[in-house]
Amino acid sequence: MATVYFTAASLDGFIVDEHESLDWLTSRTIDADGPFGYQAFAQTVGALVMGATTYEWIVRNEPGDWMYDQPSWVLTHRPQIVVDGHPVRTFSGEPAALHPELVDAAADKDVWVVGGGAVAAQFVAAGLVDEMIIGYAPCTLGAGAPVLPLRSEWRLVDSGVNGEFLCARWLRATPQRGTE
């Protein structure tokens, strides 16, 4: 079981552009079944957590039924943003307080920190992210939301090419919870 930040970024380290658009990402070729692809990763996920901005993006761009089978949480102070019928829980505290519940819900699978860099940064700052998997798209955005807006140290353990993306798997280079 690990807590994994699985995402994509531009070459200059942004996850969305200054207009909160992912057009730069969704217009690219990637094989969901290929190396570092979503399909294999999704099989390892038992629970997921995201921020309100990511949740609202999903609601706008993927309307209808909730797209994930796994137990899902949104970090927000606005529980009313959850669409009726979405089996999504909200949480407004510190990630360290939620993490044990995420781990229990994941049932020996991984916890996925989805999307936004701000939420990932909260989990990284709390020492809760074990690994990062980032697919780097062949573009620069010049501005937007950073993929991980804090200083942290990582160790590259694997990389590969999938479609137009250079993908990398990183492990936290500093001790994690319970390993000090």
Protein backbone atom coordinates (compact mmCIF):
# COMPACT_ATOMS: atom_id res chain seq x y z
CA MET A 1 0.00 0.00 0.00
CA ALA A 2 1.28 3.43 -0.96
CA THR A 3 -0.05 6.94 -1.30
CA VAL A 4 0.62 7.99 -4.89
CA TYR A 5 0.38 11.34 -6.64
CA PHE A 6 -0.39 10.29 -10.24
CA THR A 7 -0.70 13.21 -12.65
CA ALA A 8 0.53 14.95 -15.77
CA ALA A 9 2.49 18.16 -16.23
CA SER A 10 3.82 20.45 -18.90
CA LEU A 11 7.59 20.54 -19.38
CA ASP A 12 7.71 23.71 -17.30
CA GLY A 13 5.87 22.06 -14.42
CA PHE A 14 2.25 23.18 -14.68
CA ILE A 15 -0.79 20.95 -14.25
CA VAL A 16 -3.33 23.39 -15.75
CA ASP A 17 -2.82 26.58 -17.73
CA GLU A 18 -3.74 30.07 -16.52
CA HIS A 19 -7.35 29.51 -17.72
CA GLU A 20 -7.66 26.25 -15.70
CA SER A 21 -7.71 24.37 -19.01
CA LEU A 22 -6.38 20.90 -19.70
CA ASP A 23 -6.67 21.24 -23.50
CA TRP A 24 -2.89 21.03 -23.70
CA LEU A 25 -3.15 17.59 -22.06
CA THR A 26 -6.32 16.06 -23.48
CA SER A 27 -5.28 16.78 -27.08
CA ARG A 28 -2.16 14.56 -26.74
CA THR A 29 -1.70 10.91 -27.60
CA ILE A 30 -1.18 8.47 -24.74
CA ASP A 31 -1.96 4.76 -24.48
CA ALA A 32 -4.04 4.11 -21.35
CA ASP A 33 -2.80 0.50 -21.46
CA GLY A 34 0.83 1.43 -22.19
CA PRO A 35 3.78 2.09 -19.89
CA PHE A 36 2.73 4.29 -16.96
CA GLY A 37 -0.79 4.21 -18.42
CA TYR A 38 -3.94 4.95 -16.49
CA GLN A 39 -5.54 1.48 -16.84
CA ALA A 40 -2.79 -0.42 -15.04
CA PHE A 41 -2.49 2.32 -12.42
CA ALA A 42 -6.26 2.36 -11.76
CA GLN A 43 -6.14 -1.36 -10.93
CA THR A 44 -3.83 -0.55 -7.99
CA VAL A 45 -6.07 2.17 -6.51
CA GLY A 46 -8.37 1.47 -3.59
CA ALA A 47 -9.33 5.04 -2.62
CA LEU A 48 -8.79 8.53 -3.95
CA VAL A 49 -8.69 12.11 -2.74
CA MET A 50 -8.76 15.39 -4.64
CA GLY A 51 -9.32 19.08 -4.11
CA ALA A 52 -12.44 21.06 -4.87
CA THR A 53 -10.96 22.54 -8.06
CA THR A 54 -10.27 19.08 -9.48
CA TYR A 55 -13.72 17.83 -8.46
CA GLU A 56 -15.41 20.85 -10.06
CA TRP A 57 -13.37 20.34 -13.25
CA ILE A 58 -14.56 16.71 -13.41
CA VAL A 59 -18.19 17.79 -12.89
CA ARG A 60 -17.91 20.38 -15.71
CA ASN A 61 -16.03 18.18 -18.17
CA GLU A 62 -17.32 14.68 -17.35
CA PRO A 63 -20.98 15.25 -16.40
CA GLY A 64 -23.20 12.40 -15.33
CA ASP A 65 -22.44 9.46 -13.09
CA TRP A 66 -19.33 9.53 -10.91
CA MET A 67 -16.45 8.19 -12.95
CA TYR A 68 -14.64 6.27 -10.20
CA ASP A 69 -15.64 3.02 -8.51
CA GLN A 70 -13.27 3.57 -5.58
CA PRO A 71 -14.26 5.45 -2.42
CA SER A 72 -13.61 9.14 -3.12
CA TRP A 73 -13.01 12.24 -1.01
CA VAL A 74 -12.88 15.93 -1.86
CA LEU A 75 -10.93 18.29 0.36
CA THR A 76 -13.20 21.32 0.64
CA HIS A 77 -14.90 23.68 3.04
CA ARG A 78 -17.91 23.65 0.67
CA PRO A 79 -19.63 20.25 0.97
CA GLN A 80 -22.52 21.59 -1.13
CA ILE A 81 -20.37 21.31 -4.29
CA VAL A 82 -20.89 17.53 -4.40
CA VAL A 83 -23.42 16.67 -7.08
CA ASP A 84 -26.47 14.66 -6.01
CA GLY A 85 -25.84 11.01 -6.74
CA HIS A 86 -22.04 11.24 -6.59
CA PRO A 87 -20.77 8.85 -3.90
CA VAL A 88 -18.18 11.38 -2.79
CA ARG A 89 -17.34 12.38 0.77
CA THR A 90 -15.99 15.77 1.76
CA PHE A 91 -13.33 16.58 4.32
CA SER A 92 -12.19 19.99 5.57
CA GLY A 93 -9.33 19.19 7.95
CA GLU A 94 -5.65 18.41 7.70
CA PRO A 95 -4.62 15.56 5.37
CA ALA A 96 -2.94 13.71 8.25
CA ALA A 97 -6.34 13.44 9.97
CA LEU A 98 -7.98 11.99 6.84
CA HIS A 99 -5.15 9.70 5.74
CA PRO A 100 -5.93 6.75 8.06
CA GLU A 101 -9.51 6.70 6.72
CA LEU A 102 -8.19 6.75 3.14
CA VAL A 103 -5.83 3.86 3.91
CA ASP A 104 -8.63 1.83 5.53
CA ALA A 105 -10.95 2.46 2.57
CA ALA A 106 -8.21 1.48 0.11
CA ALA A 107 -8.16 -2.03 1.65
CA ASP A 108 -4.51 -2.92 0.93
CA LYS A 109 -4.49 -1.03 -2.37
CA ASP A 110 -2.99 2.39 -3.05
CA VAL A 111 -4.42 5.79 -2.17
CA TRP A 112 -4.42 8.11 -5.20
CA VAL A 113 -3.91 11.82 -4.70
CA VAL A 114 -5.70 13.06 -7.84
CA GLY A 115 -5.08 16.14 -9.88
CA GLY A 116 -4.27 19.45 -8.28
CA GLY A 117 -0.84 20.33 -7.05
CA ALA A 118 -2.14 22.27 -4.04
CA VAL A 119 -3.74 19.18 -2.49
CA ALA A 120 -0.71 17.06 -3.39
CA ALA A 121 1.49 19.66 -1.70
CA GLN A 122 -0.55 19.36 1.51
CA PHE A 123 -0.09 15.58 1.50
CA VAL A 124 3.63 15.87 0.65
CA ALA A 125 4.18 18.47 3.40
CA ALA A 126 2.54 16.08 5.88
CA GLY A 127 4.93 13.29 4.78
CA LEU A 128 2.08 11.19 3.39
CA VAL A 129 2.99 10.79 -0.31
CA ASP A 130 5.20 7.77 -0.95
CA GLU A 131 5.59 8.16 -4.70
CA MET A 132 4.81 10.41 -7.63
CA ILE A 133 4.11 9.32 -11.18
CA ILE A 134 4.15 12.19 -13.66
CA GLY A 135 3.59 12.10 -17.41
CA TYR A 136 5.35 15.10 -18.94
CA ALA A 137 3.65 16.48 -22.07
CA PRO A 138 5.81 17.97 -24.84
CA CYS A 139 4.75 21.57 -24.27
CA THR A 140 5.32 24.53 -22.01
CA LEU A 141 2.50 26.65 -20.62
CA GLY A 142 4.40 29.60 -19.16
CA ALA A 143 1.85 30.00 -16.35
CA GLY A 144 -0.85 28.14 -14.49
CA ALA A 145 -1.06 25.92 -11.43
CA PRO A 146 2.22 24.21 -10.52
CA VAL A 147 2.29 20.42 -10.40
CA LEU A 148 3.77 20.52 -6.88
CA PRO A 149 4.07 24.00 -5.33
CA LEU A 150 6.51 23.29 -2.52
CA ARG A 151 10.10 22.23 -2.10
CA SER A 152 10.55 18.49 -1.73
CA GLU A 153 13.15 15.87 -2.62
CA TRP A 154 12.52 12.81 -4.79
CA ARG A 155 14.49 9.89 -6.20
CA LEU A 156 13.85 8.76 -9.80
CA VAL A 157 13.22 4.99 -9.87
CA ASP A 158 11.70 4.40 -13.32
CA SER A 159 10.93 6.19 -16.55
CA GLY A 160 9.54 5.47 -19.98
CA VAL A 161 7.78 6.83 -23.01
CA ASN A 162 4.06 6.48 -23.63
CA GLY A 163 2.71 8.14 -26.76
CA GLU A 164 3.78 11.77 -26.64
CA PHE A 165 4.61 11.64 -22.92
CA LEU A 166 7.84 11.13 -21.02
CA CYS A 167 6.75 9.42 -17.82
CA ALA A 168 8.64 9.17 -14.56
CA ARG A 169 8.10 7.40 -11.26
CA TRP A 170 9.64 9.08 -8.22
CA LEU A 171 9.97 7.92 -4.61
CA ARG A 172 10.24 10.38 -1.76
CA ALA A 173 13.94 10.85 -0.99
CA THR A 174 13.36 11.68 2.68
CA PRO A 175 11.99 9.36 5.35
CA GLN A 176 8.23 8.82 5.39
CA ARG A 177 5.80 8.43 8.27
CA GLY A 178 6.75 5.57 10.54
CA THR A 179 10.17 5.03 8.92
CA GLU A 180 12.24 7.63 10.79
